[in-house]
Amino acid sequence: METSASYTTKDCMFFSSDERKWITKVRKLKQKFPDLVEIIREPEQNDGCIYAKVPVSWMKLNPPRQLSDEKRAELSARAKQIFTDS
């Protein structure tokens, strides 16, 4: 599996991936933002890899949330309360 992004300008990025989750995400973004996403090659035409042009500002790396044991217990109790009230 491979995913890559190449910046061409400060506003434009070319994105390619053969991973199913990214292919699905790019297609959904194209439906939602047709003026901002350009699918250049569909996986069926490109050896299983989608190739698209997207805004650079959409590129983010988000590490997993780090929770203390106390915060995790608090969130768990809150979720349980929500489900028991419904």
PDB file of N, CA and C in Angstrom:
ATOM      1  N   MET A   1       0.830  -1.174   0.000  1.00  0.00           N
ATOM      2  CA  MET A   1       0.000   0.000   0.000  1.00  0.00           C
ATOM      3  C   MET A   1       0.876   1.239   0.000  1.00  0.00           C
ATOM      4  N   GLU A   2       0.373   2.261  -0.691  1.00  0.00           N
ATOM      5  CA  GLU A   2       1.140   3.496  -0.756  1.00  0.00           C
ATOM      6  C   GLU A   2       0.204   4.686  -0.856  1.00  0.00           C
ATOM      7  N   THR A   3       0.547   5.742  -0.138  1.00  0.00           N
ATOM      8  CA  THR A   3      -0.173   7.007  -0.197  1.00  0.00           C
ATOM      9  C   THR A   3       0.866   8.106  -0.257  1.00  0.00           C
ATOM     10  N   SER A   4       0.644   9.084  -1.143  1.00  0.00           N
ATOM     11  CA  SER A   4       1.603  10.188  -1.232  1.00  0.00           C
ATOM     12  C   SER A   4       0.889  11.488  -1.552  1.00  0.00           C
ATOM     13  N   ALA A   5       1.539  12.581  -1.178  1.00  0.00           N
ATOM     14  CA  ALA A   5       1.038  13.920  -1.468  1.00  0.00           C
ATOM     15  C   ALA A   5       2.198  14.764  -1.947  1.00  0.00           C
ATOM     16  N   SER A   6       1.974  15.502  -3.023  1.00  0.00           N
ATOM     17  CA  SER A   6       3.008  16.373  -3.579  1.00  0.00           C
ATOM     18  C   SER A   6       2.446  17.782  -3.702  1.00  0.00           C
ATOM     19  N   TYR A   7       3.157  18.740  -3.124  1.00  0.00           N
ATOM     20  CA  TYR A   7       2.752  20.135  -3.218  1.00  0.00           C
ATOM     21  C   TYR A   7       3.293  20.730  -4.503  1.00  0.00           C
ATOM     22  N   THR A   8       2.449  21.442  -5.229  1.00  0.00           N
ATOM     23  CA  THR A   8       2.917  22.133  -6.424  1.00  0.00           C
ATOM     24  C   THR A   8       2.937  23.634  -6.211  1.00  0.00           C
ATOM     25  N   THR A   9       2.019  24.125  -5.405  1.00  0.00           N
ATOM     26  CA  THR A   9       1.981  25.535  -5.020  1.00  0.00           C
ATOM     27  C   THR A   9       1.573  25.573  -3.558  1.00  0.00           C
ATOM     28  N   LYS A  10       1.448  26.756  -2.994  1.00  0.00           N
ATOM     29  CA  LYS A  10       1.015  26.845  -1.604  1.00  0.00           C
ATOM     30  C   LYS A  10      -0.462  26.508  -1.436  1.00  0.00           C
ATOM     31  N   ASP A  11      -1.214  26.444  -2.529  1.00  0.00           N
ATOM     32  CA  ASP A  11      -2.650  26.176  -2.461  1.00  0.00           C
ATOM     33  C   ASP A  11      -3.058  24.811  -3.005  1.00  0.00           C
ATOM     34  N   CYS A  12      -2.209  24.183  -3.794  1.00  0.00           N
ATOM     35  CA  CYS A  12      -2.585  22.963  -4.524  1.00  0.00           C
ATOM     36  C   CYS A  12      -1.703  21.781  -4.124  1.00  0.00           C
ATOM     37  N   MET A  13      -2.348  20.629  -3.982  1.00  0.00           N
ATOM     38  CA  MET A  13      -1.618  19.410  -3.639  1.00  0.00           C
ATOM     39  C   MET A  13      -2.150  18.271  -4.509  1.00  0.00           C
ATOM     40  N   PHE A  14      -1.257  17.450  -5.021  1.00  0.00           N
ATOM     41  CA  PHE A  14      -1.658  16.245  -5.726  1.00  0.00           C
ATOM     42  C   PHE A  14      -1.545  15.081  -4.757  1.00  0.00           C
ATOM     43  N   PHE A  15      -2.602  14.296  -4.683  1.00  0.00           N
ATOM     44  CA  PHE A  15      -2.721  13.216  -3.712  1.00  0.00           C
ATOM     45  C   PHE A  15      -2.960  11.911  -4.465  1.00  0.00           C
ATOM     46  N   SER A  16      -2.232  10.866  -4.093  1.00  0.00           N
ATOM     47  CA  SER A  16      -2.473   9.563  -4.704  1.00  0.00           C
ATOM     48  C   SER A  16      -2.422   8.478  -3.635  1.00  0.00           C
ATOM     49  N   SER A  17      -3.252   7.462  -3.821  1.00  0.00           N
ATOM     50  CA  SER A  17      -3.279   6.355  -2.872  1.00  0.00           C
ATOM     51  C   SER A  17      -3.935   5.140  -3.496  1.00  0.00           C
ATOM     52  N   ASP A  18      -3.465   3.975  -3.055  1.00  0.00           N
ATOM     53  CA  ASP A  18      -4.127   2.730  -3.450  1.00  0.00           C
ATOM     54  C   ASP A  18      -4.875   2.119  -2.260  1.00  0.00           C
ATOM     55  N   GLU A  19      -4.944   2.856  -1.137  1.00  0.00           N
ATOM     56  CA  GLU A  19      -5.643   2.366   0.045  1.00  0.00           C
ATOM     57  C   GLU A  19      -7.136   2.676  -0.072  1.00  0.00           C
ATOM     58  N   ARG A  20      -7.948   1.663   0.162  1.00  0.00           N
ATOM     59  CA  ARG A  20      -9.394   1.774   0.001  1.00  0.00           C
ATOM     60  C   ARG A  20      -9.979   2.933   0.812  1.00  0.00           C
ATOM     61  N   LYS A  21      -9.527   3.139   2.063  1.00  0.00           N
ATOM     62  CA  LYS A  21     -10.093   4.215   2.901  1.00  0.00           C
ATOM     63  C   LYS A  21      -9.856   5.583   2.280  1.00  0.00           C
ATOM     64  N   TRP A  22      -8.706   5.801   1.655  1.00  0.00           N
ATOM     65  CA  TRP A  22      -8.414   7.095   1.048  1.00  0.00           C
ATOM     66  C   TRP A  22      -9.135   7.269  -0.269  1.00  0.00           C
ATOM     67  N   ILE A  23      -9.264   6.194  -1.021  1.00  0.00           N
ATOM     68  CA  ILE A  23     -10.018   6.256  -2.280  1.00  0.00           C
ATOM     69  C   ILE A  23     -11.455   6.662  -1.991  1.00  0.00           C
ATOM     70  N   THR A  24     -12.059   6.018  -0.989  1.00  0.00           N
ATOM     71  CA  THR A  24     -13.436   6.335  -0.608  1.00  0.00           C
ATOM     72  C   THR A  24     -13.543   7.774  -0.131  1.00  0.00           C
ATOM     73  N   LYS A  25     -12.590   8.204   0.687  1.00  0.00           N
ATOM     74  CA  LYS A  25     -12.624   9.570   1.220  1.00  0.00           C
ATOM     75  C   LYS A  25     -12.511  10.609   0.109  1.00  0.00           C
ATOM     76  N   VAL A  26     -11.610  10.418  -0.830  1.00  0.00           N
ATOM     77  CA  VAL A  26     -11.445  11.370  -1.932  1.00  0.00           C
ATOM     78  C   VAL A  26     -12.721  11.425  -2.770  1.00  0.00           C
ATOM     79  N   ARG A  27     -13.325  10.293  -3.038  1.00  0.00           N
ATOM     80  CA  ARG A  27     -14.575  10.279  -3.818  1.00  0.00           C
ATOM     81  C   ARG A  27     -15.694  11.018  -3.088  1.00  0.00           C
ATOM     82  N   LYS A  28     -15.807  10.830  -1.784  1.00  0.00           N
ATOM     83  CA  LYS A  28     -16.837  11.541  -1.005  1.00  0.00           C
ATOM     84  C   LYS A  28     -16.564  13.044  -0.996  1.00  0.00           C
ATOM     85  N   LEU A  29     -15.292  13.424  -0.851  1.00  0.00           N
ATOM     86  CA  LEU A  29     -14.945  14.841  -0.882  1.00  0.00           C
ATOM     87  C   LEU A  29     -15.254  15.460  -2.245  1.00  0.00           C
ATOM     88  N   LYS A  30     -15.055  14.710  -3.303  1.00  0.00           N
ATOM     89  CA  LYS A  30     -15.374  15.188  -4.652  1.00  0.00           C
ATOM     90  C   LYS A  30     -16.865  15.461  -4.782  1.00  0.00           C
ATOM     91  N   GLN A  31     -17.692  14.572  -4.198  1.00  0.00           N
ATOM     92  CA  GLN A  31     -19.140  14.781  -4.245  1.00  0.00           C
ATOM     93  C   GLN A  31     -19.541  16.013  -3.439  1.00  0.00           C
ATOM     94  N   LYS A  32     -18.913  16.195  -2.295  1.00  0.00           N
ATOM     95  CA  LYS A  32     -19.275  17.289  -1.404  1.00  0.00           C
ATOM     96  C   LYS A  32     -18.688  18.631  -1.851  1.00  0.00           C
ATOM     97  N   PHE A  33     -17.487  18.603  -2.426  1.00  0.00           N
ATOM     98  CA  PHE A  33     -16.792  19.825  -2.845  1.00  0.00           C
ATOM     99  C   PHE A  33     -16.321  19.704  -4.302  1.00  0.00           C
ATOM    100  N   PRO A  34     -17.242  19.648  -5.254  1.00  0.00           N
ATOM    101  CA  PRO A  34     -16.840  19.420  -6.652  1.00  0.00           C
ATOM    102  C   PRO A  34     -15.940  20.504  -7.242  1.00  0.00           C
ATOM    103  N   ASP A  35     -16.003  21.713  -6.697  1.00  0.00           N
ATOM    104  CA  ASP A  35     -15.152  22.786  -7.225  1.00  0.00           C
ATOM    105  C   ASP A  35     -13.737  22.756  -6.653  1.00  0.00           C
ATOM    106  N   LEU A  36     -13.538  22.034  -5.548  1.00  0.00           N
ATOM    107  CA  LEU A  36     -12.226  22.007  -4.894  1.00  0.00           C
ATOM    108  C   LEU A  36     -11.441  20.720  -5.129  1.00  0.00           C
ATOM    109  N   VAL A  37     -12.135  19.654  -5.501  1.00  0.00           N
ATOM    110  CA  VAL A  37     -11.475  18.356  -5.699  1.00  0.00           C
ATOM    111  C   VAL A  37     -11.573  17.968  -7.168  1.00  0.00           C
ATOM    112  N   GLU A  38     -10.446  17.645  -7.742  1.00  0.00           N
ATOM    113  CA  GLU A  38     -10.411  17.158  -9.122  1.00  0.00           C
ATOM    114  C   GLU A  38      -9.779  15.768  -9.117  1.00  0.00           C
ATOM    115  N   ILE A  39     -10.581  14.771  -9.469  1.00  0.00           N
ATOM    116  CA  ILE A  39     -10.031  13.414  -9.595  1.00  0.00           C
ATOM    117  C   ILE A  39      -9.445  13.298 -10.998  1.00  0.00           C
ATOM    118  N   ILE A  40      -8.152  13.141 -11.050  1.00  0.00           N
ATOM    119  CA  ILE A  40      -7.450  13.091 -12.329  1.00  0.00           C
ATOM    120  C   ILE A  40      -7.486  11.683 -12.906  1.00  0.00           C
ATOM    121  N   ARG A  41      -7.267  10.694 -12.053  1.00  0.00           N
ATOM    122  CA  ARG A  41      -7.333   9.285 -12.470  1.00  0.00           C
ATOM    123  C   ARG A  41      -8.077   8.485 -11.423  1.00  0.00           C
ATOM    124  N   GLU A  42      -9.036   7.713 -11.855  1.00  0.00           N
ATOM    125  CA  GLU A  42      -9.751   6.779 -10.984  1.00  0.00           C
ATOM    126  C   GLU A  42      -8.916   5.500 -10.853  1.00  0.00           C
ATOM    127  N   PRO A  43      -9.072   4.760  -9.768  1.00  0.00           N
ATOM    128  CA  PRO A  43      -8.296   3.528  -9.576  1.00  0.00           C
ATOM    129  C   PRO A  43      -8.461   2.521 -10.716  1.00  0.00           C
ATOM    130  N   GLU A  44      -9.644   2.478 -11.296  1.00  0.00           N
ATOM    131  CA  GLU A  44      -9.901   1.532 -12.390  1.00  0.00           C
ATOM    132  C   GLU A  44      -9.063   1.841 -13.629  1.00  0.00           C
ATOM    133  N   GLN A  45      -8.622   3.080 -13.761  1.00  0.00           N
ATOM    134  CA  GLN A  45      -7.814   3.506 -14.912  1.00  0.00           C
ATOM    135  C   GLN A  45      -6.333   3.637 -14.564  1.00  0.00           C
ATOM    136  N   ASN A  46      -5.986   3.396 -13.294  1.00  0.00           N
ATOM    137  CA  ASN A  46      -4.646   3.753 -12.832  1.00  0.00           C
ATOM    138  C   ASN A  46      -4.051   2.664 -11.933  1.00  0.00           C
ATOM    139  N   ASP A  47      -4.173   1.430 -12.319  1.00  0.00           N
ATOM    140  CA  ASP A  47      -3.597   0.305 -11.562  1.00  0.00           C
ATOM    141  C   ASP A  47      -4.013   0.296 -10.097  1.00  0.00           C
ATOM    142  N   GLY A  48      -5.266   0.678  -9.820  1.00  0.00           N
ATOM    143  CA  GLY A  48      -5.794   0.622  -8.462  1.00  0.00           C
ATOM    144  C   GLY A  48      -5.493   1.825  -7.594  1.00  0.00           C
ATOM    145  N   CYS A  49      -4.937   2.888  -8.184  1.00  0.00           N
ATOM    146  CA  CYS A  49      -4.529   4.059  -7.410  1.00  0.00           C
ATOM    147  C   CYS A  49      -5.327   5.289  -7.851  1.00  0.00           C
ATOM    148  N   ILE A  50      -5.928   5.993  -6.879  1.00  0.00           N
ATOM    149  CA  ILE A  50      -6.619   7.246  -7.209  1.00  0.00           C
ATOM    150  C   ILE A  50      -5.587   8.363  -7.243  1.00  0.00           C
ATOM    151  N   TYR A  51      -5.782   9.314  -8.142  1.00  0.00           N
ATOM    152  CA  TYR A  51      -4.884  10.454  -8.270  1.00  0.00           C
ATOM    153  C   TYR A  51      -5.764  11.690  -8.341  1.00  0.00           C
ATOM    154  N   ALA A  52      -5.598  12.607  -7.392  1.00  0.00           N
ATOM    155  CA  ALA A  52      -6.495  13.751  -7.305  1.00  0.00           C
ATOM    156  C   ALA A  52      -5.751  15.020  -6.924  1.00  0.00           C
ATOM    157  N   LYS A  53      -6.376  16.139  -7.250  1.00  0.00           N
ATOM    158  CA  LYS A  53      -5.870  17.460  -6.888  1.00  0.00           C
ATOM    159  C   LYS A  53      -6.787  18.011  -5.802  1.00  0.00           C
ATOM    160  N   VAL A  54      -6.212  18.396  -4.663  1.00  0.00           N
ATOM    161  CA  VAL A  54      -6.990  18.893  -3.526  1.00  0.00           C
ATOM    162  C   VAL A  54      -6.289  20.108  -2.918  1.00  0.00           C
ATOM    163  N   PRO A  55      -7.006  20.891  -2.094  1.00  0.00           N
ATOM    164  CA  PRO A  55      -6.364  22.034  -1.436  1.00  0.00           C
ATOM    165  C   PRO A  55      -5.319  21.589  -0.404  1.00  0.00           C
ATOM    166  N   VAL A  56      -4.208  22.285  -0.352  1.00  0.00           N
ATOM    167  CA  VAL A  56      -3.145  21.991   0.605  1.00  0.00           C
ATOM    168  C   VAL A  56      -3.655  22.119   2.039  1.00  0.00           C
ATOM    169  N   SER A  57      -4.550  23.049   2.284  1.00  0.00           N
ATOM    170  CA  SER A  57      -5.032  23.296   3.649  1.00  0.00           C
ATOM    171  C   SER A  57      -5.763  22.094   4.243  1.00  0.00           C
ATOM    172  N   TRP A  58      -6.119  21.110   3.427  1.00  0.00           N
ATOM    173  CA  TRP A  58      -6.794  19.911   3.931  1.00  0.00           C
ATOM    174  C   TRP A  58      -5.817  18.893   4.504  1.00  0.00           C
ATOM    175  N   MET A  59      -4.535  19.082   4.298  1.00  0.00           N
ATOM    176  CA  MET A  59      -3.537  18.130   4.776  1.00  0.00           C
ATOM    177  C   MET A  59      -3.302  18.327   6.266  1.00  0.00           C
ATOM    178  N   LYS A  60      -3.567  17.283   7.046  1.00  0.00           N
ATOM    179  CA  LYS A  60      -3.371  17.350   8.492  1.00  0.00           C
ATOM    180  C   LYS A  60      -2.850  16.013   8.988  1.00  0.00           C
ATOM    181  N   LEU A  61      -2.018  16.074   9.982  1.00  0.00           N
ATOM    182  CA  LEU A  61      -1.578  14.878  10.691  1.00  0.00           C
ATOM    183  C   LEU A  61      -2.076  15.019  12.117  1.00  0.00           C
ATOM    184  N   ASN A  62      -2.925  14.105  12.554  1.00  0.00           N
ATOM    185  CA  ASN A  62      -3.504  14.181  13.884  1.00  0.00           C
ATOM    186  C   ASN A  62      -3.106  12.963  14.704  1.00  0.00           C
ATOM    187  N   PRO A  63      -2.289  13.169  15.721  1.00  0.00           N
ATOM    188  CA  PRO A  63      -1.933  12.030  16.578  1.00  0.00           C
ATOM    189  C   PRO A  63      -3.141  11.616  17.416  1.00  0.00           C
ATOM    190  N   PRO A  64      -3.161  10.371  17.904  1.00  0.00           N
ATOM    191  CA  PRO A  64      -4.266   9.928  18.743  1.00  0.00           C
ATOM    192  C   PRO A  64      -4.333  10.755  20.033  1.00  0.00           C
ATOM    193  N   ARG A  65      -5.527  10.883  20.538  1.00  0.00           N
ATOM    194  CA  ARG A  65      -5.748  11.633  21.766  1.00  0.00           C
ATOM    195  C   ARG A  65      -5.144  10.893  22.955  1.00  0.00           C
ATOM    196  N   GLN A  66      -4.412  11.601  23.797  1.00  0.00           N
ATOM    197  CA  GLN A  66      -3.822  11.014  24.995  1.00  0.00           C
ATOM    198  C   GLN A  66      -4.691  11.380  26.189  1.00  0.00           C
ATOM    199  N   LEU A  67      -5.259  10.370  26.854  1.00  0.00           N
ATOM    200  CA  LEU A  67      -6.132  10.607  27.999  1.00  0.00           C
ATOM    201  C   LEU A  67      -5.529  10.010  29.263  1.00  0.00           C
ATOM    202  N   SER A  68      -5.674  10.753  30.357  1.00  0.00           N
ATOM    203  CA  SER A  68      -5.266  10.200  31.645  1.00  0.00           C
ATOM    204  C   SER A  68      -6.321   9.180  32.070  1.00  0.00           C
ATOM    205  N   ASP A  69      -5.985   8.330  33.021  1.00  0.00           N
ATOM    206  CA  ASP A  69      -6.947   7.344  33.524  1.00  0.00           C
ATOM    207  C   ASP A  69      -8.180   8.039  34.109  1.00  0.00           C
ATOM    208  N   GLU A  70      -7.966   9.168  34.780  1.00  0.00           N
ATOM    209  CA  GLU A  70      -9.077   9.905  35.371  1.00  0.00           C
ATOM    210  C   GLU A  70     -10.016  10.456  34.295  1.00  0.00           C
ATOM    211  N   LYS A  71      -9.435  11.049  33.251  1.00  0.00           N
ATOM    212  CA  LYS A  71     -10.247  11.616  32.160  1.00  0.00           C
ATOM    213  C   LYS A  71     -10.990  10.503  31.428  1.00  0.00           C
ATOM    214  N   ARG A  72     -10.333   9.374  31.204  1.00  0.00           N
ATOM    215  CA  ARG A  72     -10.975   8.242  30.538  1.00  0.00           C
ATOM    216  C   ARG A  72     -12.171   7.747  31.363  1.00  0.00           C
ATOM    217  N   ALA A  73     -12.010   7.657  32.698  1.00  0.00           N
ATOM    218  CA  ALA A  73     -13.093   7.231  33.580  1.00  0.00           C
ATOM    219  C   ALA A  73     -14.245   8.239  33.550  1.00  0.00           C
ATOM    220  N   GLU A  74     -13.893   9.513  33.534  1.00  0.00           N
ATOM    221  CA  GLU A  74     -14.921  10.565  33.474  1.00  0.00           C
ATOM    222  C   GLU A  74     -15.736  10.469  32.183  1.00  0.00           C
ATOM    223  N   LEU A  75     -15.056  10.319  31.060  1.00  0.00           N
ATOM    224  CA  LEU A  75     -15.747  10.206  29.778  1.00  0.00           C
ATOM    225  C   LEU A  75     -16.595   8.936  29.704  1.00  0.00           C
ATOM    226  N   SER A  76     -16.090   7.850  30.266  1.00  0.00           N
ATOM    227  CA  SER A  76     -16.836   6.595  30.290  1.00  0.00           C
ATOM    228  C   SER A  76     -18.115   6.746  31.100  1.00  0.00           C
ATOM    229  N   ALA A  77     -18.006   7.390  32.267  1.00  0.00           N
ATOM    230  CA  ALA A  77     -19.183   7.596  33.114  1.00  0.00           C
ATOM    231  C   ALA A  77     -20.203   8.487  32.410  1.00  0.00           C
ATOM    232  N   ARG A  78     -19.726   9.514  31.736  1.00  0.00           N
ATOM    233  CA  ARG A  78     -20.624  10.416  31.004  1.00  0.00           C
ATOM    234  C   ARG A  78     -21.346   9.672  29.876  1.00  0.00           C
ATOM    235  N   ALA A  79     -20.621   8.841  29.136  1.00  0.00           N
ATOM    236  CA  ALA A  79     -21.240   8.068  28.047  1.00  0.00           C
ATOM    237  C   ALA A  79     -22.276   7.091  28.607  1.00  0.00           C
ATOM    238  N   LYS A  80     -21.963   6.431  29.698  1.00  0.00           N
ATOM    239  CA  LYS A  80     -22.913   5.494  30.300  1.00  0.00           C
ATOM    240  C   LYS A  80     -24.175   6.218  30.732  1.00  0.00           C
ATOM    241  N   GLN A  81     -24.016   7.427  31.280  1.00  0.00           N
ATOM    242  CA  GLN A  81     -25.159   8.226  31.723  1.00  0.00           C
ATOM    243  C   GLN A  81     -26.035   8.613  30.518  1.00  0.00           C
ATOM    244  N   ILE A  82     -25.427   8.991  29.447  1.00  0.00           N
ATOM    245  CA  ILE A  82     -26.170   9.360  28.227  1.00  0.00           C
ATOM    246  C   ILE A  82     -26.977   8.169  27.723  1.00  0.00           C
ATOM    247  N   PHE A  83     -26.370   6.988  27.687  1.00  0.00           N
ATOM    248  CA  PHE A  83     -27.068   5.805  27.167  1.00  0.00           C
ATOM    249  C   PHE A  83     -28.164   5.323  28.115  1.00  0.00           C
ATOM    250  N   THR A  84     -28.005   5.502  29.400  1.00  0.00           N
ATOM    251  CA  THR A  84     -29.046   5.052  30.337  1.00  0.00           C
ATOM    252  C   THR A  84     -30.217   6.034  30.363  1.00  0.00           C
ATOM    253  N   ASP A  85     -29.953   7.323  30.033  1.00  0.00           N
ATOM    254  CA  ASP A  85     -31.022   8.322  29.989  1.00  0.00           C
ATOM    255  C   ASP A  85     -31.878   8.213  28.739  1.00  0.00           C
ATOM    256  N   SER A  86     -31.348   7.621  27.676  1.00  0.00           N
ATOM    257  CA  SER A  86     -32.097   7.578  26.414  1.00  0.00           C
ATOM    258  C   SER A  86     -33.072   6.458  26.337  1.00  0.00           C
TER     259      SER A  86
END
